[in-house]
N, C-alpha and C. Protein backbone atom coordinates (compact mmCIF):
# COMPACT_ATOMS: atom_id res chain seq x y z
N UNK A 1 -11.83 -16.67 -72.67
CA UNK A 1 -12.50 -17.40 -71.50
C UNK A 1 -13.93 -17.31 -71.59
N UNK A 2 -14.71 -18.40 -71.48
CA UNK A 2 -16.26 -18.29 -71.58
C UNK A 2 -16.84 -17.78 -70.39
N UNK A 3 -18.00 -17.30 -70.55
CA UNK A 3 -18.84 -16.73 -69.38
C UNK A 3 -19.35 -17.85 -68.60
N UNK A 4 -19.40 -17.42 -67.06
CA UNK A 4 -19.87 -18.60 -66.27
C UNK A 4 -21.40 -18.68 -66.51
N UNK A 5 -21.81 -19.91 -66.49
CA UNK A 5 -23.36 -20.18 -66.60
C UNK A 5 -24.04 -19.75 -65.30
N UNK A 6 -25.09 -19.05 -65.38
CA UNK A 6 -25.86 -18.59 -64.19
C UNK A 6 -26.94 -19.61 -63.88
N UNK A 7 -27.08 -19.87 -62.64
CA UNK A 7 -28.19 -20.75 -62.19
C UNK A 7 -28.81 -20.13 -61.03
N UNK A 8 -30.27 -20.19 -61.24
CA UNK A 8 -31.09 -19.58 -60.06
C UNK A 8 -31.52 -20.79 -59.21
N UNK A 9 -31.25 -20.56 -57.92
CA UNK A 9 -31.50 -21.54 -56.86
C UNK A 9 -32.74 -21.09 -56.09
N UNK A 10 -33.95 -21.83 -56.03
CA UNK A 10 -34.99 -21.50 -55.29
C UNK A 10 -35.31 -22.49 -54.20
N UNK A 11 -35.20 -22.04 -53.00
CA UNK A 11 -35.68 -23.03 -51.92
C UNK A 11 -35.98 -22.34 -50.60
N UNK A 12 -36.91 -22.63 -49.89
CA UNK A 12 -37.14 -21.95 -48.74
C UNK A 12 -36.43 -22.25 -47.48
N UNK A 13 -35.71 -23.24 -47.56
CA UNK A 13 -34.70 -23.71 -46.53
C UNK A 13 -33.39 -23.10 -46.62
N UNK A 14 -33.04 -22.18 -45.69
CA UNK A 14 -31.86 -21.38 -45.86
C UNK A 14 -30.56 -22.28 -45.97
N UNK A 15 -30.60 -23.31 -45.23
CA UNK A 15 -29.43 -24.30 -45.28
C UNK A 15 -29.21 -25.04 -46.66
N UNK A 16 -30.35 -25.32 -47.15
CA UNK A 16 -30.31 -25.88 -48.54
C UNK A 16 -29.93 -24.86 -49.64
N UNK A 17 -30.47 -23.71 -49.36
CA UNK A 17 -30.10 -22.62 -50.23
C UNK A 17 -28.61 -22.30 -50.15
N UNK A 18 -28.10 -22.22 -49.00
CA UNK A 18 -26.69 -22.00 -48.92
C UNK A 18 -25.82 -23.15 -49.43
N UNK A 19 -26.20 -24.30 -49.15
CA UNK A 19 -25.54 -25.56 -49.65
C UNK A 19 -25.42 -25.61 -51.20
N UNK A 20 -26.69 -25.55 -51.88
CA UNK A 20 -26.63 -25.65 -53.29
C UNK A 20 -25.96 -24.33 -53.90
N UNK A 21 -26.12 -23.19 -53.51
CA UNK A 21 -25.29 -22.00 -54.00
C UNK A 21 -23.86 -22.19 -53.91
N UNK A 22 -23.39 -22.66 -52.73
CA UNK A 22 -21.98 -23.16 -52.52
C UNK A 22 -21.47 -24.13 -53.30
N UNK A 23 -22.25 -25.20 -53.52
CA UNK A 23 -21.78 -26.32 -54.19
C UNK A 23 -21.64 -25.95 -55.84
N UNK A 24 -22.65 -25.21 -56.26
CA UNK A 24 -22.50 -24.71 -57.62
C UNK A 24 -21.43 -23.68 -57.77
N UNK A 25 -21.26 -22.69 -56.97
CA UNK A 25 -20.20 -21.73 -57.17
C UNK A 25 -18.86 -22.39 -56.99
N UNK A 26 -18.65 -23.43 -56.19
CA UNK A 26 -17.43 -23.96 -56.09
C UNK A 26 -17.02 -24.89 -57.33
N UNK A 27 -18.17 -25.19 -58.03
CA UNK A 27 -17.89 -25.83 -59.32
C UNK A 27 -18.04 -25.03 -60.54
N UNK A 28 -17.75 -23.74 -60.51
CA UNK A 28 -17.58 -22.80 -61.40
C UNK A 28 -18.87 -22.06 -62.12
N UNK A 29 -20.04 -22.26 -61.34
CA UNK A 29 -21.07 -21.50 -61.83
C UNK A 29 -21.43 -20.28 -61.00
N UNK A 30 -22.19 -19.38 -61.66
CA UNK A 30 -22.58 -18.06 -61.02
C UNK A 30 -23.99 -18.37 -60.44
N UNK A 31 -24.37 -18.02 -59.31
CA UNK A 31 -25.65 -18.29 -58.76
C UNK A 31 -26.39 -17.02 -58.30
N UNK A 32 -27.66 -17.10 -58.33
CA UNK A 32 -28.52 -16.18 -57.80
C UNK A 32 -29.65 -16.99 -57.01
N UNK A 33 -30.14 -16.45 -55.88
CA UNK A 33 -31.05 -17.29 -55.10
C UNK A 33 -32.26 -16.69 -54.62
N UNK A 34 -33.23 -17.36 -54.32
CA UNK A 34 -34.53 -17.00 -53.88
C UNK A 34 -35.11 -17.84 -52.77
N UNK A 35 -35.67 -17.38 -51.72
CA UNK A 35 -36.25 -18.15 -50.70
C UNK A 35 -37.55 -18.52 -50.90
N UNK A 36 -38.35 -18.11 -51.91
CA UNK A 36 -39.77 -18.55 -52.19
C UNK A 36 -40.02 -18.43 -53.82
N UNK A 37 -41.05 -18.96 -54.13
CA UNK A 37 -41.53 -19.06 -55.58
C UNK A 37 -41.81 -17.68 -56.11
N UNK A 38 -42.31 -16.78 -55.44
CA UNK A 38 -42.61 -15.46 -55.99
C UNK A 38 -41.31 -14.64 -56.39
N UNK A 39 -40.40 -14.68 -55.50
CA UNK A 39 -39.16 -14.07 -55.58
C UNK A 39 -38.34 -14.80 -56.69
N UNK A 40 -38.48 -16.15 -56.75
CA UNK A 40 -37.82 -16.94 -57.79
C UNK A 40 -38.26 -16.63 -59.14
N UNK A 41 -39.55 -16.39 -59.32
CA UNK A 41 -40.01 -16.04 -60.66
C UNK A 41 -39.63 -14.68 -61.06
N UNK A 42 -39.69 -13.69 -60.20
CA UNK A 42 -39.13 -12.35 -60.44
C UNK A 42 -37.69 -12.44 -60.91
N UNK A 43 -36.90 -13.14 -60.13
CA UNK A 43 -35.49 -13.28 -60.42
C UNK A 43 -35.24 -13.91 -61.78
N UNK A 44 -36.04 -14.86 -62.04
CA UNK A 44 -35.87 -15.53 -63.34
C UNK A 44 -36.26 -14.57 -64.51
N UNK A 45 -37.22 -13.68 -64.33
CA UNK A 45 -37.57 -12.63 -65.35
C UNK A 45 -36.34 -11.63 -65.48
N UNK A 46 -35.73 -11.23 -64.29
CA UNK A 46 -34.77 -10.23 -64.40
C UNK A 46 -33.37 -10.78 -64.67
N UNK A 47 -33.04 -11.84 -64.17
CA UNK A 47 -31.71 -12.45 -64.39
C UNK A 47 -31.37 -13.28 -65.55
N UNK A 48 -32.60 -13.87 -66.07
CA UNK A 48 -32.43 -14.78 -67.36
C UNK A 48 -31.36 -15.80 -67.14
N UNK A 49 -31.58 -16.79 -65.98
CA UNK A 49 -30.51 -17.75 -65.73
C UNK A 49 -30.51 -18.73 -66.86
N UNK A 50 -29.30 -19.51 -66.86
CA UNK A 50 -29.24 -20.58 -67.79
C UNK A 50 -29.79 -21.89 -67.37
N UNK A 51 -30.13 -21.93 -66.00
CA UNK A 51 -30.69 -23.15 -65.47
C UNK A 51 -31.49 -22.76 -64.07
N UNK A 52 -32.39 -23.50 -63.75
CA UNK A 52 -33.04 -23.34 -62.41
C UNK A 52 -33.13 -24.65 -61.60
N UNK A 53 -32.81 -24.38 -60.33
CA UNK A 53 -33.08 -25.59 -59.40
C UNK A 53 -34.28 -24.94 -58.51
N UNK A 54 -35.29 -25.86 -58.41
CA UNK A 54 -36.47 -25.43 -57.71
C UNK A 54 -37.06 -26.42 -56.81
N UNK A 55 -37.27 -25.93 -55.48
CA UNK A 55 -37.80 -26.75 -54.47
C UNK A 55 -39.37 -26.84 -54.70
N UNK A 56 -40.05 -27.94 -54.27
CA UNK A 56 -41.42 -27.98 -54.67
C UNK A 56 -42.30 -27.41 -53.34
N UNK A 57 -42.06 -27.89 -52.23
CA UNK A 57 -42.72 -27.32 -51.00
C UNK A 57 -42.27 -26.03 -50.46
N UNK A 58 -42.94 -24.98 -50.70
CA UNK A 58 -42.52 -23.68 -50.36
C UNK A 58 -43.82 -22.93 -49.80
N UNK A 59 -43.62 -22.06 -48.96
CA UNK A 59 -44.81 -21.22 -48.62
C UNK A 59 -45.00 -20.05 -49.62
N UNK A 60 -46.23 -19.50 -49.49
CA UNK A 60 -46.69 -18.50 -50.37
C UNK A 60 -47.03 -18.78 -51.80
N UNK A 61 -46.03 -19.50 -52.56
CA UNK A 61 -46.21 -19.96 -53.72
C UNK A 61 -45.51 -21.33 -54.00
N UNK A 62 -46.16 -22.55 -54.23
CA UNK A 62 -45.54 -23.67 -54.29
C UNK A 62 -44.66 -23.76 -55.49
N UNK A 63 -43.62 -24.74 -55.43
CA UNK A 63 -42.81 -24.97 -56.48
C UNK A 63 -43.64 -25.38 -57.74
N UNK A 64 -44.62 -26.10 -57.55
CA UNK A 64 -45.45 -26.59 -58.71
C UNK A 64 -46.06 -25.36 -59.37
N UNK A 65 -46.57 -24.48 -58.71
CA UNK A 65 -47.24 -23.33 -59.51
C UNK A 65 -46.04 -22.45 -60.06
N UNK A 66 -44.95 -22.27 -59.43
CA UNK A 66 -43.88 -21.45 -59.85
C UNK A 66 -43.37 -22.19 -61.15
N UNK A 67 -43.14 -23.42 -61.16
CA UNK A 67 -42.64 -24.12 -62.31
C UNK A 67 -43.58 -24.02 -63.54
N UNK A 68 -44.94 -24.04 -63.29
CA UNK A 68 -46.01 -23.92 -64.25
C UNK A 68 -45.78 -22.53 -64.72
N UNK A 69 -45.60 -21.45 -63.92
CA UNK A 69 -45.33 -20.10 -64.41
C UNK A 69 -44.11 -19.96 -65.41
N UNK A 70 -43.02 -20.66 -64.86
CA UNK A 70 -41.79 -20.56 -65.72
C UNK A 70 -42.05 -21.19 -67.23
N UNK A 71 -42.89 -22.34 -67.23
CA UNK A 71 -43.05 -23.06 -68.54
C UNK A 71 -44.20 -22.26 -69.34
N UNK A 72 -44.97 -21.51 -68.78
CA UNK A 72 -46.02 -20.70 -69.43
C UNK A 72 -45.46 -19.36 -69.96
N UNK A 73 -44.28 -18.89 -69.44
CA UNK A 73 -43.80 -17.59 -69.85
C UNK A 73 -42.85 -17.72 -71.08
N UNK A 74 -43.17 -16.97 -72.09
CA UNK A 74 -42.40 -16.93 -73.30
C UNK A 74 -40.83 -16.79 -73.20
N UNK A 75 -40.50 -15.96 -72.22
CA UNK A 75 -39.06 -15.56 -71.89
C UNK A 75 -38.43 -16.71 -71.26
N UNK A 76 -39.20 -17.49 -70.37
CA UNK A 76 -38.55 -18.46 -69.57
C UNK A 76 -38.70 -19.86 -69.98
N UNK A 77 -39.73 -20.15 -70.80
CA UNK A 77 -40.14 -21.61 -71.01
C UNK A 77 -39.10 -22.54 -71.42
N UNK A 78 -37.98 -22.00 -72.02
CA UNK A 78 -36.93 -22.95 -72.52
C UNK A 78 -35.77 -23.01 -71.57
N UNK A 79 -35.80 -22.44 -70.31
CA UNK A 79 -34.86 -22.66 -69.49
C UNK A 79 -35.08 -23.99 -68.63
N UNK A 80 -34.06 -24.88 -68.63
CA UNK A 80 -34.22 -26.10 -67.90
C UNK A 80 -34.37 -25.95 -66.31
N UNK A 81 -35.18 -26.81 -65.89
CA UNK A 81 -35.52 -26.68 -64.46
C UNK A 81 -35.13 -28.08 -63.87
N UNK A 82 -34.46 -28.04 -62.81
CA UNK A 82 -34.33 -29.25 -61.97
C UNK A 82 -35.04 -29.13 -60.71
N UNK A 83 -35.91 -30.06 -60.58
CA UNK A 83 -36.87 -30.01 -59.25
C UNK A 83 -35.97 -30.77 -58.29
N UNK A 84 -35.88 -30.09 -57.12
CA UNK A 84 -35.01 -30.52 -55.98
C UNK A 84 -35.96 -30.63 -54.79
N UNK A 85 -36.42 -31.88 -54.38
CA UNK A 85 -37.51 -31.96 -53.27
C UNK A 85 -37.13 -33.16 -52.44
N UNK A 86 -37.63 -32.93 -51.07
CA UNK A 86 -37.52 -34.06 -50.08
C UNK A 86 -38.77 -34.98 -50.24
N UNK A 87 -39.66 -34.52 -51.00
CA UNK A 87 -40.96 -35.49 -51.15
C UNK A 87 -40.66 -36.78 -51.83
N UNK A 88 -39.70 -36.76 -52.78
CA UNK A 88 -39.23 -38.07 -53.49
C UNK A 88 -40.04 -38.35 -54.68
N UNK A 89 -39.96 -39.61 -54.98
CA UNK A 89 -40.52 -40.11 -56.14
C UNK A 89 -42.03 -39.98 -56.33
N UNK A 90 -42.76 -39.92 -55.16
CA UNK A 90 -44.09 -39.88 -55.32
C UNK A 90 -44.47 -38.49 -55.85
N UNK A 91 -43.79 -37.37 -55.78
CA UNK A 91 -43.89 -36.17 -56.30
C UNK A 91 -43.70 -36.17 -57.75
N UNK A 92 -42.77 -36.96 -58.16
CA UNK A 92 -42.27 -37.22 -59.48
C UNK A 92 -43.66 -37.76 -60.31
N UNK A 93 -44.14 -38.90 -59.63
CA UNK A 93 -45.32 -39.49 -60.23
C UNK A 93 -46.50 -38.67 -60.42
N UNK A 94 -46.55 -37.81 -59.20
CA UNK A 94 -47.66 -36.91 -59.33
C UNK A 94 -47.61 -35.79 -60.40
N UNK A 95 -46.44 -35.27 -60.51
CA UNK A 95 -46.25 -34.26 -61.57
C UNK A 95 -46.53 -34.89 -63.11
N UNK A 96 -46.11 -36.09 -63.21
CA UNK A 96 -46.30 -36.80 -64.58
C UNK A 96 -47.87 -36.89 -64.96
N UNK A 97 -48.68 -36.89 -63.88
CA UNK A 97 -50.07 -37.23 -64.03
C UNK A 97 -50.88 -35.86 -64.25
N UNK A 98 -50.21 -34.78 -63.99
CA UNK A 98 -51.01 -33.43 -64.10
C UNK A 98 -51.11 -33.04 -65.58
N UNK A 99 -52.42 -32.73 -65.90
CA UNK A 99 -52.71 -32.48 -67.39
C UNK A 99 -52.11 -31.16 -67.78
N UNK A 100 -51.41 -31.28 -68.84
CA UNK A 100 -50.76 -29.99 -69.36
C UNK A 100 -49.50 -29.63 -68.69
N UNK A 101 -48.94 -30.47 -67.96
CA UNK A 101 -47.70 -30.21 -67.17
C UNK A 101 -46.67 -30.88 -67.84
N UNK A 102 -45.68 -30.05 -68.34
CA UNK A 102 -44.41 -30.42 -69.06
C UNK A 102 -43.46 -30.96 -67.99
N UNK A 103 -42.95 -32.16 -68.32
CA UNK A 103 -42.18 -32.84 -67.21
C UNK A 103 -40.87 -32.11 -67.12
N UNK A 104 -40.39 -31.81 -65.83
CA UNK A 104 -39.13 -31.08 -65.59
C UNK A 104 -37.97 -31.73 -66.41
N UNK A 105 -37.02 -30.95 -66.61
CA UNK A 105 -35.81 -31.57 -67.39
C UNK A 105 -35.00 -32.34 -66.38
N UNK A 106 -35.10 -32.03 -65.23
CA UNK A 106 -34.26 -32.83 -64.12
C UNK A 106 -35.21 -32.95 -62.90
N UNK A 107 -34.69 -33.99 -62.12
CA UNK A 107 -35.36 -34.25 -60.85
C UNK A 107 -34.32 -34.74 -59.93
N UNK A 108 -34.34 -34.19 -58.74
CA UNK A 108 -33.35 -34.54 -57.65
C UNK A 108 -33.82 -34.76 -56.42
N UNK A 109 -33.90 -35.92 -55.71
CA UNK A 109 -34.40 -36.15 -54.30
C UNK A 109 -33.43 -35.60 -53.42
N UNK A 110 -33.92 -35.14 -52.27
CA UNK A 110 -33.11 -34.71 -51.05
C UNK A 110 -33.08 -35.96 -50.15
N UNK A 111 -31.95 -36.27 -49.60
CA UNK A 111 -30.60 -35.64 -49.58
C UNK A 111 -30.00 -35.65 -50.99
N UNK A 112 -29.33 -34.61 -51.41
CA UNK A 112 -28.87 -34.32 -52.60
C UNK A 112 -27.58 -35.36 -52.87
N UNK A 113 -27.53 -35.85 -53.89
CA UNK A 113 -26.31 -36.57 -54.37
C UNK A 113 -25.43 -35.47 -55.20
N UNK A 114 -24.56 -35.09 -54.62
CA UNK A 114 -23.56 -33.93 -55.30
C UNK A 114 -23.09 -34.26 -56.66
N UNK A 115 -22.58 -35.53 -56.74
CA UNK A 115 -22.10 -35.84 -58.01
C UNK A 115 -23.16 -35.87 -59.23
N UNK A 116 -24.23 -36.53 -58.76
CA UNK A 116 -25.41 -36.70 -59.65
C UNK A 116 -26.04 -35.39 -59.94
N UNK A 117 -26.15 -34.56 -58.97
CA UNK A 117 -26.64 -33.12 -59.36
C UNK A 117 -25.69 -32.41 -60.37
N UNK A 118 -24.43 -32.32 -60.06
CA UNK A 118 -23.40 -31.65 -60.94
C UNK A 118 -23.52 -32.19 -62.20
N UNK A 119 -23.54 -33.58 -62.42
CA UNK A 119 -23.63 -34.30 -63.74
C UNK A 119 -24.95 -33.71 -64.37
N UNK A 120 -26.05 -33.86 -63.72
CA UNK A 120 -27.30 -33.30 -64.39
C UNK A 120 -27.13 -31.85 -64.85
N UNK A 121 -26.56 -31.00 -64.13
CA UNK A 121 -26.47 -29.61 -64.36
C UNK A 121 -25.65 -29.50 -65.53
N UNK A 122 -24.49 -30.23 -65.54
CA UNK A 122 -23.61 -30.04 -66.81
C UNK A 122 -24.15 -30.63 -67.99
N UNK A 123 -24.96 -31.59 -67.82
CA UNK A 123 -25.58 -32.34 -69.02
C UNK A 123 -26.61 -31.33 -69.65
N UNK A 124 -27.38 -30.71 -68.87
CA UNK A 124 -28.52 -29.86 -69.23
C UNK A 124 -27.92 -28.41 -69.81
N UNK A 125 -26.75 -28.07 -69.33
CA UNK A 125 -26.25 -26.81 -69.70
C UNK A 125 -25.47 -27.01 -71.10
N UNK A 126 -25.03 -28.26 -71.28
CA UNK A 126 -24.19 -28.49 -72.59
C UNK A 126 -25.01 -29.08 -73.63
N UNK A 127 -26.43 -29.11 -73.63
CA UNK A 127 -27.17 -29.61 -74.56
C UNK A 127 -27.17 -28.79 -75.90
């Protein structure tokens, strides 16, 4: 039997955190979660997840800064990240314009389409 893939879920909204962790666990994944970008970065370093879902708008440290830290870190840079945000396509366009900003491996608008998110997760984990 293969080991479950581990997903780090980072979101400051408790309801979204609970929703995403439950959805992913119900579909066979192990999850760890963080309510802000600082804790999310620390957990990524200690847990070495197979994939990260990351909210963009969070207090203390934005998802944009956290994402940049992931991609600049030698241990974390190859972990796929799915940006999950309520800001929508305008954020996607903004991220593409940032100099030196590697485009996220996945992008999901809130409200979340469960089937689309699960397919994206599966596709990224099976690359």
